[in-house]
Amino acid sequence: MGEDARFEDASEGVVALRGLEAADVPVISALVQDAVFPVTEMRWDRTRRRFALLINRYRWENSGAAPERVQAVLAVEDVLAVASQGIDRADPDVVLSLLALEWAAGEDGMGRLTLVLAGDGAIAIDVEALEVTLRDVTQPYGAVSGKVPDHSL
């Protein structure tokens, strides 16, 4: 029986980023564009004030090579509230597609990070201060579709 992939086994170019200001959000957003995840892989830990997703992100930074994905954790710290729209959380087989992250600053460092999903879905995360991390946690693997995500009609 095979062993699960570990972060330490990942190839060079492993993504590990932390965003603490508005200018960091578009960078992380570009790296998570077209990530997919089952609805069961998102968690809000109210006690720790942390929201996290285990995503299968497309490796946009690996352009020119065969299409690859990698499992990664996208985490948001200092979370005050989480709300969603357009997501059927009752169906554990639902797979969501993440299109972008958007930041709207509020007063005194507070703000809202919105995870924009395909199909008009969204997850709004109100935070006391912006702190979002993205960390690859497995080795890259060939994209099941064998294709680069395409948004053309």
C-alpha atoms as a PDB file:
ATOM      1  CA  MET A   1       0.000   0.000   0.000  1.00  0.00           C
ATOM      2  CA  GLY A   2       1.333   3.444  -0.943  1.00  0.00           C
ATOM      3  CA  GLU A   3       2.142   6.188   1.486  1.00  0.00           C
ATOM      4  CA  ASP A   4       0.363   9.567   1.410  1.00  0.00           C
ATOM      5  CA  ALA A   5       2.349  12.419  -0.102  1.00  0.00           C
ATOM      6  CA  ARG A   6       3.951  14.749   2.398  1.00  0.00           C
ATOM      7  CA  PHE A   7       4.844  18.422   2.166  1.00  0.00           C
ATOM      8  CA  GLU A   8       8.530  17.516   2.532  1.00  0.00           C
ATOM      9  CA  ASP A   9       8.302  15.340  -0.582  1.00  0.00           C
ATOM     10  CA  ALA A  10       7.005  18.103  -2.823  1.00  0.00           C
ATOM     11  CA  SER A  11       9.097  19.249  -5.737  1.00  0.00           C
ATOM     12  CA  GLU A  12      10.838  22.602  -5.914  1.00  0.00           C
ATOM     13  CA  GLY A  13       8.528  25.525  -6.330  1.00  0.00           C
ATOM     14  CA  VAL A  14       6.253  24.694  -3.405  1.00  0.00           C
ATOM     15  CA  VAL A  15       3.951  27.634  -2.677  1.00  0.00           C
ATOM     16  CA  ALA A  16       3.927  28.934   0.896  1.00  0.00           C
ATOM     17  CA  LEU A  17       2.655  32.508   1.179  1.00  0.00           C
ATOM     18  CA  ARG A  18       1.204  34.750   3.870  1.00  0.00           C
ATOM     19  CA  GLY A  19      -0.768  37.857   2.985  1.00  0.00           C
ATOM     20  CA  LEU A  20      -1.038  40.638   5.546  1.00  0.00           C
ATOM     21  CA  GLU A  21      -2.034  43.607   3.410  1.00  0.00           C
ATOM     22  CA  ALA A  22      -4.401  44.413   0.571  1.00  0.00           C
ATOM     23  CA  ALA A  23      -1.653  44.234  -2.088  1.00  0.00           C
ATOM     24  CA  ASP A  24      -1.036  40.566  -1.185  1.00  0.00           C
ATOM     25  CA  VAL A  25      -4.588  39.429  -1.968  1.00  0.00           C
ATOM     26  CA  PRO A  26      -4.354  39.590  -5.802  1.00  0.00           C
ATOM     27  CA  VAL A  27      -1.180  37.466  -5.713  1.00  0.00           C
ATOM     28  CA  ILE A  28      -2.805  34.732  -3.643  1.00  0.00           C
ATOM     29  CA  SER A  29      -6.001  35.080  -5.681  1.00  0.00           C
ATOM     30  CA  ALA A  30      -4.086  34.389  -8.909  1.00  0.00           C
ATOM     31  CA  LEU A  31      -2.608  31.216  -7.404  1.00  0.00           C
ATOM     32  CA  VAL A  32      -5.963  29.842  -6.211  1.00  0.00           C
ATOM     33  CA  GLN A  33      -7.921  30.699  -9.356  1.00  0.00           C
ATOM     34  CA  ASP A  34      -9.764  27.589 -10.571  1.00  0.00           C
ATOM     35  CA  ALA A  35      -9.055  25.612  -7.392  1.00  0.00           C
ATOM     36  CA  VAL A  36     -11.701  22.998  -6.667  1.00  0.00           C
ATOM     37  CA  PHE A  37     -12.770  21.556  -3.333  1.00  0.00           C
ATOM     38  CA  PRO A  38     -15.585  19.453  -1.897  1.00  0.00           C
ATOM     39  CA  VAL A  39     -17.988  21.404   0.305  1.00  0.00           C
ATOM     40  CA  THR A  40     -16.937  19.043   3.127  1.00  0.00           C
ATOM     41  CA  GLU A  41     -13.360  20.435   3.059  1.00  0.00           C
ATOM     42  CA  MET A  42     -14.120  23.864   4.503  1.00  0.00           C
ATOM     43  CA  ARG A  43     -14.006  24.518   8.246  1.00  0.00           C
ATOM     44  CA  TRP A  44     -14.596  27.477  10.517  1.00  0.00           C
ATOM     45  CA  ASP A  45     -13.114  27.026  13.975  1.00  0.00           C
ATOM     46  CA  ARG A  46     -14.886  29.734  15.974  1.00  0.00           C
ATOM     47  CA  THR A  47     -12.745  29.152  19.062  1.00  0.00           C
ATOM     48  CA  ARG A  48      -9.470  29.658  17.169  1.00  0.00           C
ATOM     49  CA  ARG A  49     -11.098  32.263  14.869  1.00  0.00           C
ATOM     50  CA  ARG A  50      -9.772  30.415  11.820  1.00  0.00           C
ATOM     51  CA  PHE A  51     -11.406  29.502   8.516  1.00  0.00           C
ATOM     52  CA  ALA A  52      -9.637  26.953   6.316  1.00  0.00           C
ATOM     53  CA  LEU A  53     -10.136  25.130   3.030  1.00  0.00           C
ATOM     54  CA  LEU A  54      -8.317  22.106   1.676  1.00  0.00           C
ATOM     55  CA  ILE A  55      -8.234  22.876  -2.043  1.00  0.00           C
ATOM     56  CA  ASN A  56      -6.963  21.205  -5.181  1.00  0.00           C
ATOM     57  CA  ARG A  57      -5.395  24.192  -6.861  1.00  0.00           C
ATOM     58  CA  TYR A  58      -4.298  24.419 -10.460  1.00  0.00           C
ATOM     59  CA  ARG A  59      -0.557  25.186 -10.648  1.00  0.00           C
ATOM     60  CA  TRP A  60      -0.679  28.401 -12.711  1.00  0.00           C
ATOM     61  CA  GLU A  61       2.957  29.102 -11.773  1.00  0.00           C
ATOM     62  CA  ASN A  62       3.956  25.978 -13.721  1.00  0.00           C
ATOM     63  CA  SER A  63       2.828  27.290 -17.111  1.00  0.00           C
ATOM     64  CA  GLY A  64       4.181  25.546 -20.165  1.00  0.00           C
ATOM     65  CA  ALA A  65       4.343  22.151 -18.460  1.00  0.00           C
ATOM     66  CA  ALA A  66       1.691  19.433 -18.443  1.00  0.00           C
ATOM     67  CA  PRO A  67      -1.395  20.602 -16.483  1.00  0.00           C
ATOM     68  CA  GLU A  68      -0.936  19.918 -12.764  1.00  0.00           C
ATOM     69  CA  ARG A  69      -2.808  20.395  -9.535  1.00  0.00           C
ATOM     70  CA  VAL A  70      -1.629  20.253  -5.950  1.00  0.00           C
ATOM     71  CA  GLN A  71      -3.484  20.048  -2.655  1.00  0.00           C
ATOM     72  CA  ALA A  72      -3.087  23.196  -0.617  1.00  0.00           C
ATOM     73  CA  VAL A  73      -4.505  24.759   2.520  1.00  0.00           C
ATOM     74  CA  LEU A  74      -5.988  28.233   2.220  1.00  0.00           C
ATOM     75  CA  ALA A  75      -6.452  29.643   5.728  1.00  0.00           C
ATOM     76  CA  VAL A  76      -7.796  32.912   7.077  1.00  0.00           C
ATOM     77  CA  GLU A  77      -6.990  34.030  10.632  1.00  0.00           C
ATOM     78  CA  ASP A  78      -8.722  36.446  13.051  1.00  0.00           C
ATOM     79  CA  VAL A  79     -12.149  35.520  11.655  1.00  0.00           C
ATOM     80  CA  LEU A  80     -15.143  37.214  13.267  1.00  0.00           C
ATOM     81  CA  ALA A  81     -17.932  35.853  11.055  1.00  0.00           C
ATOM     82  CA  VAL A  82     -18.471  33.654   7.991  1.00  0.00           C
ATOM     83  CA  ALA A  83     -21.463  33.739   5.640  1.00  0.00           C
ATOM     84  CA  SER A  84     -22.115  31.985   2.349  1.00  0.00           C
ATOM     85  CA  GLN A  85     -24.527  32.226  -0.538  1.00  0.00           C
ATOM     86  CA  GLY A  86     -25.263  29.898  -3.427  1.00  0.00           C
ATOM     87  CA  ILE A  87     -23.769  26.845  -1.704  1.00  0.00           C
ATOM     88  CA  ASP A  88     -25.744  23.669  -0.994  1.00  0.00           C
ATOM     89  CA  ARG A  89     -24.050  22.549   2.216  1.00  0.00           C
ATOM     90  CA  ALA A  90     -26.601  19.755   2.712  1.00  0.00           C
ATOM     91  CA  ASP A  91     -25.144  17.775  -0.208  1.00  0.00           C
ATOM     92  CA  PRO A  92     -21.702  16.393   0.777  1.00  0.00           C
ATOM     93  CA  ASP A  93     -20.929  15.547  -2.865  1.00  0.00           C
ATOM     94  CA  VAL A  94     -20.957  19.186  -4.017  1.00  0.00           C
ATOM     95  CA  VAL A  95     -17.628  20.300  -5.486  1.00  0.00           C
ATOM     96  CA  LEU A  96     -17.007  24.046  -5.539  1.00  0.00           C
ATOM     97  CA  SER A  97     -14.739  26.002  -7.862  1.00  0.00           C
ATOM     98  CA  LEU A  98     -12.878  29.027  -6.502  1.00  0.00           C
ATOM     99  CA  LEU A  99     -12.529  31.852  -9.015  1.00  0.00           C
ATOM    100  CA  ALA A 100     -11.001  34.704  -6.993  1.00  0.00           C
ATOM    101  CA  LEU A 101     -10.334  36.327  -3.638  1.00  0.00           C
ATOM    102  CA  GLU A 102     -11.540  39.898  -3.103  1.00  0.00           C
ATOM    103  CA  TRP A 103     -10.627  42.182  -0.194  1.00  0.00           C
ATOM    104  CA  ALA A 104     -12.758  45.066   1.081  1.00  0.00           C
ATOM    105  CA  ALA A 105     -11.057  47.049   3.849  1.00  0.00           C
ATOM    106  CA  GLY A 106     -13.096  48.310   6.770  1.00  0.00           C
ATOM    107  CA  GLU A 107     -12.233  50.506   9.727  1.00  0.00           C
ATOM    108  CA  ASP A 108      -9.160  50.020  11.919  1.00  0.00           C
ATOM    109  CA  GLY A 109      -7.693  47.165   9.854  1.00  0.00           C
ATOM    110  CA  MET A 110     -10.903  45.147   9.829  1.00  0.00           C
ATOM    111  CA  GLY A 111     -12.424  44.020   6.554  1.00  0.00           C
ATOM    112  CA  ARG A 112     -14.073  41.326   4.490  1.00  0.00           C
ATOM    113  CA  LEU A 113     -12.347  38.686   2.384  1.00  0.00           C
ATOM    114  CA  THR A 114     -14.745  37.236  -0.176  1.00  0.00           C
ATOM    115  CA  LEU A 115     -14.108  33.908  -1.869  1.00  0.00           C
ATOM    116  CA  VAL A 116     -15.847  34.202  -5.240  1.00  0.00           C
ATOM    117  CA  LEU A 117     -17.095  30.835  -6.490  1.00  0.00           C
ATOM    118  CA  ALA A 118     -18.310  29.659  -9.884  1.00  0.00           C
ATOM    119  CA  GLY A 119     -22.078  29.645 -10.295  1.00  0.00           C
ATOM    120  CA  ASP A 120     -22.677  32.875  -8.357  1.00  0.00           C
ATOM    121  CA  GLY A 121     -21.618  31.364  -5.037  1.00  0.00           C
ATOM    122  CA  ALA A 122     -19.543  33.237  -2.473  1.00  0.00           C
ATOM    123  CA  ILE A 123     -18.110  32.913   1.002  1.00  0.00           C
ATOM    124  CA  ALA A 124     -17.762  36.186   2.944  1.00  0.00           C
ATOM    125  CA  ILE A 125     -15.250  36.154   5.787  1.00  0.00           C
ATOM    126  CA  ASP A 126     -15.216  39.133   8.159  1.00  0.00           C
ATOM    127  CA  VAL A 127     -11.847  39.555   9.856  1.00  0.00           C
ATOM    128  CA  GLU A 128     -10.340  41.662  12.592  1.00  0.00           C
ATOM    129  CA  ALA A 129      -7.145  41.989  10.534  1.00  0.00           C
ATOM    130  CA  LEU A 130      -6.083  40.573   7.174  1.00  0.00           C
ATOM    131  CA  GLU A 131      -4.042  37.396   7.482  1.00  0.00           C
ATOM    132  CA  VAL A 132      -4.447  34.788   4.774  1.00  0.00           C
ATOM    133  CA  THR A 133      -2.050  31.922   4.073  1.00  0.00           C
ATOM    134  CA  LEU A 134      -1.675  29.536   1.177  1.00  0.00           C
ATOM    135  CA  ARG A 135       0.495  26.458   1.593  1.00  0.00           C
ATOM    136  CA  ASP A 136       0.923  23.484  -0.718  1.00  0.00           C
ATOM    137  CA  VAL A 137       0.702  20.274   1.299  1.00  0.00           C
ATOM    138  CA  THR A 138       1.216  17.487  -1.275  1.00  0.00           C
ATOM    139  CA  GLN A 139       3.252  16.759  -4.347  1.00  0.00           C
ATOM    140  CA  PRO A 140       1.807  18.061  -7.611  1.00  0.00           C
ATOM    141  CA  TYR A 141      -0.192  15.550  -9.634  1.00  0.00           C
ATOM    142  CA  GLY A 142      -1.418  15.482 -13.217  1.00  0.00           C
ATOM    143  CA  ALA A 143      -4.700  17.333 -13.630  1.00  0.00           C
ATOM    144  CA  VAL A 144      -7.410  14.692 -14.036  1.00  0.00           C
ATOM    145  CA  SER A 145      -8.910  16.578 -16.997  1.00  0.00           C
ATOM    146  CA  GLY A 146      -5.475  16.870 -18.609  1.00  0.00           C
ATOM    147  CA  LYS A 147      -6.429  20.430 -19.558  1.00  0.00           C
ATOM    148  CA  VAL A 148      -5.754  23.995 -18.513  1.00  0.00           C
ATOM    149  CA  PRO A 149      -8.885  25.608 -16.994  1.00  0.00           C
ATOM    150  CA  ASP A 150     -10.706  27.679 -19.622  1.00  0.00           C
ATOM    151  CA  HIS A 151     -13.341  30.348 -19.019  1.00  0.00           C
ATOM    152  CA  SER A 152     -14.171  31.076 -22.640  1.00  0.00           C
ATOM    153  CA  LEU A 153     -17.725  30.502 -23.825  1.00  0.00           C
END
